[in-house]
All heavy atoms as atom14 arrays in JSON, in Angstrom:
{
  "sequence": "VEFKPGKETLLHVSEFDYKRIEDPSTILSVGDTLDVKYMGVDPRTKKQ",
  "atom14_mask": [
    [1, 1, 1, 1, 1, 1, 1, 0, 0, 0, 0, 0, 0, 0],
    [1, 1, 1, 1, 1, 1, 1, 1, 1, 0, 0, 0, 0, 0],
    [1, 1, 1, 1, 1, 1, 1, 1, 1, 1, 1, 0, 0, 0],
    [1, 1, 1, 1, 1, 1, 1, 1, 1, 0, 0, 0, 0, 0],
    [1, 1, 1, 1, 1, 1, 1, 0, 0, 0, 0, 0, 0, 0],
    [1, 1, 1, 1, 0, 0, 0, 0, 0, 0, 0, 0, 0, 0],
    [1, 1, 1, 1, 1, 1, 1, 1, 1, 0, 0, 0, 0, 0],
    [1, 1, 1, 1, 1, 1, 1, 1, 1, 0, 0, 0, 0, 0],
    [1, 1, 1, 1, 1, 1, 1, 0, 0, 0, 0, 0, 0, 0],
    [1, 1, 1, 1, 1, 1, 1, 1, 0, 0, 0, 0, 0, 0],
    [1, 1, 1, 1, 1, 1, 1, 1, 0, 0, 0, 0, 0, 0],
    [1, 1, 1, 1, 1, 1, 1, 1, 1, 1, 0, 0, 0, 0],
    [1, 1, 1, 1, 1, 1, 1, 0, 0, 0, 0, 0, 0, 0],
    [1, 1, 1, 1, 1, 1, 0, 0, 0, 0, 0, 0, 0, 0],
    [1, 1, 1, 1, 1, 1, 1, 1, 1, 0, 0, 0, 0, 0],
    [1, 1, 1, 1, 1, 1, 1, 1, 1, 1, 1, 0, 0, 0],
    [1, 1, 1, 1, 1, 1, 1, 1, 0, 0, 0, 0, 0, 0],
    [1, 1, 1, 1, 1, 1, 1, 1, 1, 1, 1, 1, 0, 0],
    [1, 1, 1, 1, 1, 1, 1, 1, 1, 0, 0, 0, 0, 0],
    [1, 1, 1, 1, 1, 1, 1, 1, 1, 1, 1, 0, 0, 0],
    [1, 1, 1, 1, 1, 1, 1, 1, 0, 0, 0, 0, 0, 0],
    [1, 1, 1, 1, 1, 1, 1, 1, 1, 0, 0, 0, 0, 0],
    [1, 1, 1, 1, 1, 1, 1, 1, 0, 0, 0, 0, 0, 0],
    [1, 1, 1, 1, 1, 1, 1, 0, 0, 0, 0, 0, 0, 0],
    [1, 1, 1, 1, 1, 1, 0, 0, 0, 0, 0, 0, 0, 0],
    [1, 1, 1, 1, 1, 1, 1, 0, 0, 0, 0, 0, 0, 0],
    [1, 1, 1, 1, 1, 1, 1, 1, 0, 0, 0, 0, 0, 0],
    [1, 1, 1, 1, 1, 1, 1, 1, 0, 0, 0, 0, 0, 0],
    [1, 1, 1, 1, 1, 1, 0, 0, 0, 0, 0, 0, 0, 0],
    [1, 1, 1, 1, 1, 1, 1, 0, 0, 0, 0, 0, 0, 0],
    [1, 1, 1, 1, 0, 0, 0, 0, 0, 0, 0, 0, 0, 0],
    [1, 1, 1, 1, 1, 1, 1, 1, 0, 0, 0, 0, 0, 0],
    [1, 1, 1, 1, 1, 1, 1, 0, 0, 0, 0, 0, 0, 0],
    [1, 1, 1, 1, 1, 1, 1, 1, 0, 0, 0, 0, 0, 0],
    [1, 1, 1, 1, 1, 1, 1, 1, 0, 0, 0, 0, 0, 0],
    [1, 1, 1, 1, 1, 1, 1, 0, 0, 0, 0, 0, 0, 0],
    [1, 1, 1, 1, 1, 1, 1, 1, 1, 0, 0, 0, 0, 0],
    [1, 1, 1, 1, 1, 1, 1, 1, 1, 1, 1, 1, 0, 0],
    [1, 1, 1, 1, 1, 1, 1, 1, 0, 0, 0, 0, 0, 0],
    [1, 1, 1, 1, 0, 0, 0, 0, 0, 0, 0, 0, 0, 0],
    [1, 1, 1, 1, 1, 1, 1, 0, 0, 0, 0, 0, 0, 0],
    [1, 1, 1, 1, 1, 1, 1, 1, 0, 0, 0, 0, 0, 0],
    [1, 1, 1, 1, 1, 1, 1, 0, 0, 0, 0, 0, 0, 0],
    [1, 1, 1, 1, 1, 1, 1, 1, 1, 1, 1, 0, 0, 0],
    [1, 1, 1, 1, 1, 1, 1, 0, 0, 0, 0, 0, 0, 0],
    [1, 1, 1, 1, 1, 1, 1, 1, 1, 0, 0, 0, 0, 0],
    [1, 1, 1, 1, 1, 1, 1, 1, 1, 0, 0, 0, 0, 0],
    [1, 1, 1, 1, 1, 1, 1, 1, 1, 0, 0, 0, 0, 0]
  ],
  "atom14_positions": [
    [[1.39, -4.18, -3.49], [1.1, -5.33, -2.65], [0.1, -6.24, -3.35], [-0.7, -5.8, -4.18], [0.56, -4.9, -1.27], [1.6, -4.11, -0.5], [-0.73, -4.09, -1.42], [0.0, 0.0, 0.0], [0.0, 0.0, 0.0], [0.0, 0.0, 0.0], [0.0, 0.0, 0.0], [0.0, 0.0, 0.0], [0.0, 0.0, 0.0], [0.0, 0.0, 0.0]],
    [[0.15, -7.52, -2.99], [-0.67, -8.54, -3.66], [-1.64, -9.16, -2.65], [-1.24, -9.7, -1.63], [0.25, -9.61, -4.23], [-0.47, -10.74, -4.96], [0.5, -11.81, -5.43], [1.07, -12.51, -4.56], [0.71, -11.92, -6.65], [0.0, 0.0, 0.0], [0.0, 0.0, 0.0], [0.0, 0.0, 0.0], [0.0, 0.0, 0.0], [0.0, 0.0, 0.0]],
    [[-2.96, -9.04, -2.99], [-3.97, -9.74, -2.2], [-3.93, -11.24, -2.48], [-3.84, -12.07, -1.59], [-5.38, -9.25, -2.58], [-5.68, -7.85, -2.18], [-5.64, -6.82, -3.11], [-6.01, -7.55, -0.87], [-5.95, -5.52, -2.74], [-6.32, -6.26, -0.5], [-6.28, -5.23, -1.44], [0.0, 0.0, 0.0], [0.0, 0.0, 0.0], [0.0, 0.0, 0.0]],
    [[-4.05, -11.55, -3.77], [-4.01, -12.91, -4.3], [-3.16, -12.87, -5.55], [-2.95, -11.8, -6.13], [-5.42, -13.39, -4.66], [-6.43, -13.39, -3.53], [-6.24, -14.56, -2.6], [-7.35, -14.6, -1.55], [-7.16, -15.73, -0.61], [0.0, 0.0, 0.0], [0.0, 0.0, 0.0], [0.0, 0.0, 0.0], [0.0, 0.0, 0.0], [0.0, 0.0, 0.0]],
    [[-2.63, -14.02, -5.99], [-1.86, -14.0, -7.25], [-2.67, -13.35, -8.37], [-3.79, -13.75, -8.65], [-1.61, -15.49, -7.52], [-1.61, -16.11, -6.16], [-2.63, -15.35, -5.37], [0.0, 0.0, 0.0], [0.0, 0.0, 0.0], [0.0, 0.0, 0.0], [0.0, 0.0, 0.0], [0.0, 0.0, 0.0], [0.0, 0.0, 0.0], [0.0, 0.0, 0.0]],
    [[-2.08, -12.29, -8.94], [-2.75, -11.58, -10.02], [-3.62, -10.43, -9.55], [-4.16, -9.7, -10.37], [0.0, 0.0, 0.0], [0.0, 0.0, 0.0], [0.0, 0.0, 0.0], [0.0, 0.0, 0.0], [0.0, 0.0, 0.0], [0.0, 0.0, 0.0], [0.0, 0.0, 0.0], [0.0, 0.0, 0.0], [0.0, 0.0, 0.0], [0.0, 0.0, 0.0]],
    [[-3.81, -10.27, -8.25], [-4.64, -9.2, -7.7], [-3.73, -8.28, -6.88], [-3.42, -8.56, -5.72], [-5.76, -9.77, -6.82], [-6.8, -10.57, -7.59], [-7.67, -9.64, -8.43], [-8.76, -10.41, -9.11], [-9.68, -9.53, -9.87], [0.0, 0.0, 0.0], [0.0, 0.0, 0.0], [0.0, 0.0, 0.0], [0.0, 0.0, 0.0], [0.0, 0.0, 0.0]],
    [[-3.3, -7.16, -7.49], [-2.34, -6.25, -6.88], [-2.92, -4.84, -6.79], [-3.83, -4.49, -7.54], [-1.05, -6.22, -7.71], [-0.39, -7.59, -7.86], [0.77, -7.54, -8.86], [0.93, -6.48, -9.51], [1.49, -8.54, -8.98], [0.0, 0.0, 0.0], [0.0, 0.0, 0.0], [0.0, 0.0, 0.0], [0.0, 0.0, 0.0], [0.0, 0.0, 0.0]],
    [[-2.36, -4.05, -5.87], [-2.74, -2.64, -5.77], [-1.58, -1.87, -5.14], [-0.63, -2.48, -4.61], [-4.03, -2.46, -4.95], [-4.5, -1.13, -5.1], [-3.79, -2.76, -3.47], [0.0, 0.0, 0.0], [0.0, 0.0, 0.0], [0.0, 0.0, 0.0], [0.0, 0.0, 0.0], [0.0, 0.0, 0.0], [0.0, 0.0, 0.0], [0.0, 0.0, 0.0]],
    [[-1.68, -0.54, -5.2], [-0.61, 0.31, -4.67], [-0.89, 0.69, -3.22], [-1.99, 1.14, -2.89], [-0.48, 1.59, -5.51], [0.48, 2.65, -4.98], [1.92, 2.15, -5.02], [0.32, 3.96, -5.75], [0.0, 0.0, 0.0], [0.0, 0.0, 0.0], [0.0, 0.0, 0.0], [0.0, 0.0, 0.0], [0.0, 0.0, 0.0], [0.0, 0.0, 0.0]],
    [[0.1, 0.47, -2.37], [0.09, 1.01, -1.02], [0.96, 2.26, -1.05], [2.19, 2.17, -1.11], [0.63, -0.02, -0.02], [0.83, 0.48, 1.42], [-0.49, 0.94, 2.04], [1.49, -0.6, 2.28], [0.0, 0.0, 0.0], [0.0, 0.0, 0.0], [0.0, 0.0, 0.0], [0.0, 0.0, 0.0], [0.0, 0.0, 0.0], [0.0, 0.0, 0.0]],
    [[0.31, 3.44, -1.04], [1.06, 4.7, -1.16], [1.84, 4.96, 0.12], [1.41, 4.58, 1.21], [0.08, 5.85, -1.45], [0.76, 7.09, -1.94], [1.21, 8.09, -1.1], [1.07, 7.49, -3.21], [1.78, 9.04, -1.81], [1.69, 8.7, -3.11], [0.0, 0.0, 0.0], [0.0, 0.0, 0.0], [0.0, 0.0, 0.0], [0.0, 0.0, 0.0]],
    [[2.99, 5.62, -0.03], [3.85, 5.87, 1.11], [3.14, 6.67, 2.19], [3.42, 6.53, 3.39], [5.15, 6.59, 0.66], [4.84, 7.99, 0.14], [6.18, 6.65, 1.78], [0.0, 0.0, 0.0], [0.0, 0.0, 0.0], [0.0, 0.0, 0.0], [0.0, 0.0, 0.0], [0.0, 0.0, 0.0], [0.0, 0.0, 0.0], [0.0, 0.0, 0.0]],
    [[2.18, 7.5, 1.79], [1.43, 8.29, 2.77], [0.56, 7.43, 3.67], [0.08, 7.89, 4.7], [0.58, 9.34, 2.07], [-0.41, 8.71, 1.26], [0.0, 0.0, 0.0], [0.0, 0.0, 0.0], [0.0, 0.0, 0.0], [0.0, 0.0, 0.0], [0.0, 0.0, 0.0], [0.0, 0.0, 0.0], [0.0, 0.0, 0.0], [0.0, 0.0, 0.0]],
    [[0.32, 6.17, 3.25], [-0.51, 5.26, 4.04], [0.33, 4.22, 4.78], [-0.21, 3.3, 5.36], [-1.53, 4.55, 3.13], [-2.52, 5.47, 2.47], [-3.44, 6.16, 3.47], [-3.63, 5.63, 4.59], [-3.97, 7.24, 3.14], [0.0, 0.0, 0.0], [0.0, 0.0, 0.0], [0.0, 0.0, 0.0], [0.0, 0.0, 0.0], [0.0, 0.0, 0.0]],
    [[1.67, 4.43, 4.77], [2.53, 3.5, 5.51], [2.35, 3.65, 7.02], [2.28, 2.67, 7.74], [4.0, 3.76, 5.16], [4.48, 3.05, 3.93], [3.6, 2.71, 2.91], [5.82, 2.72, 3.78], [4.04, 2.07, 1.77], [6.27, 2.06, 2.65], [5.37, 1.74, 1.63], [0.0, 0.0, 0.0], [0.0, 0.0, 0.0], [0.0, 0.0, 0.0]],
    [[2.33, 4.94, 7.46], [2.35, 5.19, 8.9], [1.73, 6.55, 9.15], [1.47, 7.33, 8.22], [3.8, 5.15, 9.42], [3.88, 4.79, 10.89], [2.95, 5.16, 11.63], [4.86, 4.14, 11.3], [0.0, 0.0, 0.0], [0.0, 0.0, 0.0], [0.0, 0.0, 0.0], [0.0, 0.0, 0.0], [0.0, 0.0, 0.0], [0.0, 0.0, 0.0]],
    [[1.49, 6.82, 10.44], [0.95, 8.13, 10.81], [2.02, 9.21, 10.69], [1.71, 10.38, 10.53], [0.4, 8.09, 12.23], [-0.91, 7.34, 12.32], [-0.95, 6.01, 12.72], [-2.11, 7.97, 12.0], [-2.15, 5.32, 12.81], [-3.31, 7.29, 12.08], [-3.33, 5.97, 12.48], [-4.51, 5.3, 12.55], [0.0, 0.0, 0.0], [0.0, 0.0, 0.0]],
    [[3.26, 8.82, 10.78], [4.33, 9.79, 10.6], [4.79, 9.79, 9.15], [4.53, 8.85, 8.4], [5.51, 9.45, 11.52], [6.19, 8.14, 11.19], [7.3, 7.85, 12.19], [7.99, 6.52, 11.84], [9.05, 6.2, 12.82], [0.0, 0.0, 0.0], [0.0, 0.0, 0.0], [0.0, 0.0, 0.0], [0.0, 0.0, 0.0], [0.0, 0.0, 0.0]],
    [[5.49, 10.85, 8.82], [5.93, 11.0, 7.44], [7.08, 10.03, 7.16], [8.01, 9.91, 7.95], [6.38, 12.44, 7.19], [6.85, 12.69, 5.75], [7.28, 14.14, 5.59], [7.8, 14.36, 4.27], [7.06, 14.64, 3.19], [5.74, 14.74, 3.33], [7.62, 14.84, 2.01], [0.0, 0.0, 0.0], [0.0, 0.0, 0.0], [0.0, 0.0, 0.0]],
    [[6.98, 9.33, 6.01], [8.03, 8.4, 5.58], [8.68, 8.98, 4.33], [8.01, 9.23, 3.32], [7.46, 7.01, 5.28], [6.7, 6.45, 6.5], [8.58, 6.04, 4.85], [7.54, 6.26, 7.73], [0.0, 0.0, 0.0], [0.0, 0.0, 0.0], [0.0, 0.0, 0.0], [0.0, 0.0, 0.0], [0.0, 0.0, 0.0], [0.0, 0.0, 0.0]],
    [[9.98, 9.23, 4.4], [10.68, 9.79, 3.25], [11.02, 8.72, 2.22], [10.86, 8.92, 1.01], [11.96, 10.49, 3.72], [11.74, 11.7, 4.58], [11.16, 12.86, 3.81], [11.2, 12.82, 2.55], [10.63, 13.8, 4.43], [0.0, 0.0, 0.0], [0.0, 0.0, 0.0], [0.0, 0.0, 0.0], [0.0, 0.0, 0.0], [0.0, 0.0, 0.0]],
    [[11.47, 7.56, 2.69], [11.93, 6.5, 1.78], [11.15, 5.21, 2.08], [11.34, 4.61, 3.15], [13.42, 6.26, 1.98], [13.99, 5.24, 0.98], [13.2, 4.7, 0.16], [15.2, 4.98, 1.04], [0.0, 0.0, 0.0], [0.0, 0.0, 0.0], [0.0, 0.0, 0.0], [0.0, 0.0, 0.0], [0.0, 0.0, 0.0], [0.0, 0.0, 0.0]],
    [[10.26, 4.75, 1.16], [9.46, 3.54, 1.44], [10.31, 2.31, 1.73], [9.91, 1.44, 2.5], [8.65, 3.35, 0.16], [8.61, 4.7, -0.48], [9.91, 5.36, -0.13], [0.0, 0.0, 0.0], [0.0, 0.0, 0.0], [0.0, 0.0, 0.0], [0.0, 0.0, 0.0], [0.0, 0.0, 0.0], [0.0, 0.0, 0.0], [0.0, 0.0, 0.0]],
    [[11.51, 2.24, 1.14], [12.35, 1.04, 1.3], [12.9, 0.89, 2.71], [13.41, -0.16, 3.07], [13.49, 1.06, 0.29], [14.34, 2.17, 0.51], [0.0, 0.0, 0.0], [0.0, 0.0, 0.0], [0.0, 0.0, 0.0], [0.0, 0.0, 0.0], [0.0, 0.0, 0.0], [0.0, 0.0, 0.0], [0.0, 0.0, 0.0], [0.0, 0.0, 0.0]],
    [[12.81, 1.96, 3.51], [13.26, 1.83, 4.91], [12.23, 1.11, 5.76], [12.54, 0.68, 6.88], [13.54, 3.21, 5.51], [12.32, 3.97, 5.5], [14.62, 3.96, 4.72], [0.0, 0.0, 0.0], [0.0, 0.0, 0.0], [0.0, 0.0, 0.0], [0.0, 0.0, 0.0], [0.0, 0.0, 0.0], [0.0, 0.0, 0.0], [0.0, 0.0, 0.0]],
    [[11.01, 0.99, 5.23], [9.93, 0.35, 5.99], [9.63, -1.05, 5.45], [9.46, -2.0, 6.21], [8.66, 1.21, 5.96], [8.95, 2.61, 6.48], [7.55, 0.55, 6.76], [9.4, 2.66, 7.91], [0.0, 0.0, 0.0], [0.0, 0.0, 0.0], [0.0, 0.0, 0.0], [0.0, 0.0, 0.0], [0.0, 0.0, 0.0], [0.0, 0.0, 0.0]],
    [[9.57, -1.17, 4.13], [9.17, -2.44, 3.51], [10.17, -2.86, 2.45], [10.88, -2.02, 1.86], [7.79, -2.3, 2.86], [6.61, -2.03, 3.78], [5.35, -1.8, 2.96], [6.4, -3.18, 4.76], [0.0, 0.0, 0.0], [0.0, 0.0, 0.0], [0.0, 0.0, 0.0], [0.0, 0.0, 0.0], [0.0, 0.0, 0.0], [0.0, 0.0, 0.0]],
    [[10.19, -4.19, 2.2], [11.02, -4.77, 1.14], [10.19, -5.8, 0.38], [9.17, -6.3, 0.88], [12.26, -5.45, 1.73], [13.04, -4.54, 2.46], [0.0, 0.0, 0.0], [0.0, 0.0, 0.0], [0.0, 0.0, 0.0], [0.0, 0.0, 0.0], [0.0, 0.0, 0.0], [0.0, 0.0, 0.0], [0.0, 0.0, 0.0], [0.0, 0.0, 0.0]],
    [[10.61, -6.13, -0.84], [9.94, -7.15, -1.63], [9.94, -8.48, -0.87], [10.97, -8.91, -0.34], [10.62, -7.32, -3.0], [10.02, -8.5, -3.76], [10.49, -6.05, -3.82], [0.0, 0.0, 0.0], [0.0, 0.0, 0.0], [0.0, 0.0, 0.0], [0.0, 0.0, 0.0], [0.0, 0.0, 0.0], [0.0, 0.0, 0.0], [0.0, 0.0, 0.0]],
    [[8.79, -9.11, -0.79], [8.65, -10.37, -0.05], [8.08, -10.21, 1.32], [7.63, -11.2, 1.93], [0.0, 0.0, 0.0], [0.0, 0.0, 0.0], [0.0, 0.0, 0.0], [0.0, 0.0, 0.0], [0.0, 0.0, 0.0], [0.0, 0.0, 0.0], [0.0, 0.0, 0.0], [0.0, 0.0, 0.0], [0.0, 0.0, 0.0], [0.0, 0.0, 0.0]],
    [[8.07, -8.98, 1.87], [7.48, -8.75, 3.19], [5.96, -8.98, 3.13], [5.32, -8.76, 2.1], [7.74, -7.32, 3.66], [9.19, -7.11, 4.06], [9.93, -8.11, 4.12], [9.58, -5.94, 4.28], [0.0, 0.0, 0.0], [0.0, 0.0, 0.0], [0.0, 0.0, 0.0], [0.0, 0.0, 0.0], [0.0, 0.0, 0.0], [0.0, 0.0, 0.0]],
    [[5.41, -9.4, 4.25], [3.96, -9.53, 4.37], [3.49, -8.59, 5.46], [4.2, -8.36, 6.46], [3.53, -10.96, 4.7], [4.13, -11.37, 5.92], [3.94, -11.93, 3.58], [0.0, 0.0, 0.0], [0.0, 0.0, 0.0], [0.0, 0.0, 0.0], [0.0, 0.0, 0.0], [0.0, 0.0, 0.0], [0.0, 0.0, 0.0], [0.0, 0.0, 0.0]],
    [[2.28, -8.07, 5.3], [1.76, -7.1, 6.27], [0.25, -7.06, 6.16], [-0.35, -7.58, 5.21], [2.34, -5.72, 6.02], [1.94, -5.02, 4.69], [1.98, -3.52, 4.85], [2.88, -5.46, 3.56], [0.0, 0.0, 0.0], [0.0, 0.0, 0.0], [0.0, 0.0, 0.0], [0.0, 0.0, 0.0], [0.0, 0.0, 0.0], [0.0, 0.0, 0.0]],
    [[-0.39, -6.43, 7.14], [-1.82, -6.24, 7.12], [-2.15, -4.86, 6.59], [-1.48, -3.87, 6.94], [-2.4, -6.38, 8.53], [-2.37, -7.81, 9.03], [-2.34, -8.72, 8.17], [-2.36, -8.03, 10.25], [0.0, 0.0, 0.0], [0.0, 0.0, 0.0], [0.0, 0.0, 0.0], [0.0, 0.0, 0.0], [0.0, 0.0, 0.0], [0.0, 0.0, 0.0]],
    [[-3.16, -4.78, 5.76], [-3.64, -3.51, 5.25], [-5.15, -3.5, 5.34], [-5.8, -4.55, 5.32], [-3.2, -3.24, 3.79], [-1.69, -3.15, 3.68], [-3.76, -4.29, 2.85], [0.0, 0.0, 0.0], [0.0, 0.0, 0.0], [0.0, 0.0, 0.0], [0.0, 0.0, 0.0], [0.0, 0.0, 0.0], [0.0, 0.0, 0.0], [0.0, 0.0, 0.0]],
    [[-5.7, -2.31, 5.42], [-7.15, -2.14, 5.42], [-7.59, -1.63, 4.06], [-6.98, -0.7, 3.52], [-7.57, -1.16, 6.52], [-9.08, -1.02, 6.67], [-9.41, -0.11, 7.85], [-10.91, -0.01, 8.07], [-11.23, 0.85, 9.24], [0.0, 0.0, 0.0], [0.0, 0.0, 0.0], [0.0, 0.0, 0.0], [0.0, 0.0, 0.0], [0.0, 0.0, 0.0]],
    [[-8.61, -2.26, 3.51], [-9.1, -1.85, 2.2], [-10.05, -0.68, 2.38], [-11.07, -0.79, 3.07], [-9.8, -3.02, 1.5], [-10.31, -2.67, 0.12], [-9.42, -2.33, -0.89], [-11.67, -2.69, -0.17], [-9.87, -2.01, -2.16], [-12.13, -2.37, -1.44], [-11.22, -2.03, -2.44], [-11.67, -1.71, -3.69], [0.0, 0.0, 0.0], [0.0, 0.0, 0.0]],
    [[-9.72, 0.42, 1.72], [-10.47, 1.66, 1.88], [-11.47, 1.9, 0.76], [-12.19, 2.89, 0.76], [-9.49, 2.85, 1.94], [-8.35, 2.66, 2.92], [-8.91, 2.47, 4.63], [-9.52, 4.1, 4.96], [0.0, 0.0, 0.0], [0.0, 0.0, 0.0], [0.0, 0.0, 0.0], [0.0, 0.0, 0.0], [0.0, 0.0, 0.0], [0.0, 0.0, 0.0]],
    [[-11.52, 0.98, -0.22], [-12.45, 1.16, -1.34], [-11.76, 1.79, -2.54], [-10.53, 1.85, -2.63], [0.0, 0.0, 0.0], [0.0, 0.0, 0.0], [0.0, 0.0, 0.0], [0.0, 0.0, 0.0], [0.0, 0.0, 0.0], [0.0, 0.0, 0.0], [0.0, 0.0, 0.0], [0.0, 0.0, 0.0], [0.0, 0.0, 0.0], [0.0, 0.0, 0.0]],
    [[-12.55, 2.28, -3.45], [-12.03, 2.9, -4.67], [-12.02, 4.41, -4.48], [-13.04, 5.01, -4.12], [-12.89, 2.52, -5.9], [-12.4, 3.23, -7.14], [-12.85, 1.01, -6.11], [0.0, 0.0, 0.0], [0.0, 0.0, 0.0], [0.0, 0.0, 0.0], [0.0, 0.0, 0.0], [0.0, 0.0, 0.0], [0.0, 0.0, 0.0], [0.0, 0.0, 0.0]],
    [[-10.86, 4.99, -4.72], [-10.72, 6.44, -4.61], [-11.61, 7.1, -5.66], [-11.45, 6.83, -6.86], [-9.25, 6.83, -4.82], [-9.01, 8.3, -4.49], [-9.78, 9.15, -4.98], [-8.04, 8.57, -3.77], [0.0, 0.0, 0.0], [0.0, 0.0, 0.0], [0.0, 0.0, 0.0], [0.0, 0.0, 0.0], [0.0, 0.0, 0.0], [0.0, 0.0, 0.0]],
    [[-12.56, 7.95, -5.26], [-13.47, 8.54, -6.24], [-12.77, 9.45, -7.25], [-13.29, 9.68, -8.34], [-14.46, 9.32, -5.37], [-13.75, 9.57, -4.09], [-12.83, 8.39, -3.88], [0.0, 0.0, 0.0], [0.0, 0.0, 0.0], [0.0, 0.0, 0.0], [0.0, 0.0, 0.0], [0.0, 0.0, 0.0], [0.0, 0.0, 0.0], [0.0, 0.0, 0.0]],
    [[-11.57, 9.96, -6.89], [-10.88, 10.86, -7.8], [-10.0, 10.1, -8.79], [-10.06, 10.31, -9.99], [-10.02, 11.87, -7.02], [-9.4, 12.96, -7.89], [-8.71, 13.98, -7.02], [-7.59, 13.4, -6.31], [-6.35, 13.31, -6.83], [-6.1, 13.73, -8.04], [-5.38, 12.78, -6.12], [0.0, 0.0, 0.0], [0.0, 0.0, 0.0], [0.0, 0.0, 0.0]],
    [[-9.22, 9.14, -8.28], [-8.3, 8.4, -9.15], [-8.93, 7.15, -9.75], [-8.39, 6.57, -10.68], [-7.05, 7.98, -8.36], [-7.45, 7.04, -7.34], [-6.38, 9.19, -7.71], [0.0, 0.0, 0.0], [0.0, 0.0, 0.0], [0.0, 0.0, 0.0], [0.0, 0.0, 0.0], [0.0, 0.0, 0.0], [0.0, 0.0, 0.0], [0.0, 0.0, 0.0]],
    [[-10.08, 6.73, -9.18], [-10.77, 5.51, -9.63], [-9.91, 4.26, -9.43], [-10.07, 3.26, -10.13], [-11.17, 5.61, -11.11], [-11.97, 6.84, -11.46], [-13.25, 6.94, -10.66], [-14.07, 8.18, -11.07], [-15.26, 8.36, -10.22], [0.0, 0.0, 0.0], [0.0, 0.0, 0.0], [0.0, 0.0, 0.0], [0.0, 0.0, 0.0], [0.0, 0.0, 0.0]],
    [[-8.98, 4.34, -8.47], [-8.13, 3.19, -8.18], [-8.36, 2.72, -6.75], [-8.81, 3.49, -5.89], [-6.66, 3.56, -8.38], [-6.3, 3.87, -9.82], [-4.82, 4.2, -9.96], [-4.45, 4.49, -11.41], [-3.01, 4.84, -11.55], [0.0, 0.0, 0.0], [0.0, 0.0, 0.0], [0.0, 0.0, 0.0], [0.0, 0.0, 0.0], [0.0, 0.0, 0.0]],
    [[-8.05, 1.43, -6.53], [-8.21, 0.88, -5.18], [-7.23, 1.53, -4.22], [-6.09, 1.84, -4.57], [-8.0, -0.63, -5.2], [-9.07, -1.4, -5.94], [-8.79, -2.89, -5.93], [-7.64, -3.31, -5.86], [-9.86, -3.69, -6.01], [0.0, 0.0, 0.0], [0.0, 0.0, 0.0], [0.0, 0.0, 0.0], [0.0, 0.0, 0.0], [0.0, 0.0, 0.0]]
  ]
}
């Protein structure tokens, strides 16, 4: 997902919903817009 042009990060499938999602494409497609909450930098992976 893109915050701003050139500013991208990964929305992991485990953070799509409270229920388990087997296939991310059943929920989202390229071009969709959505709200996400920024959780900070993962201390283990060092990624947003």
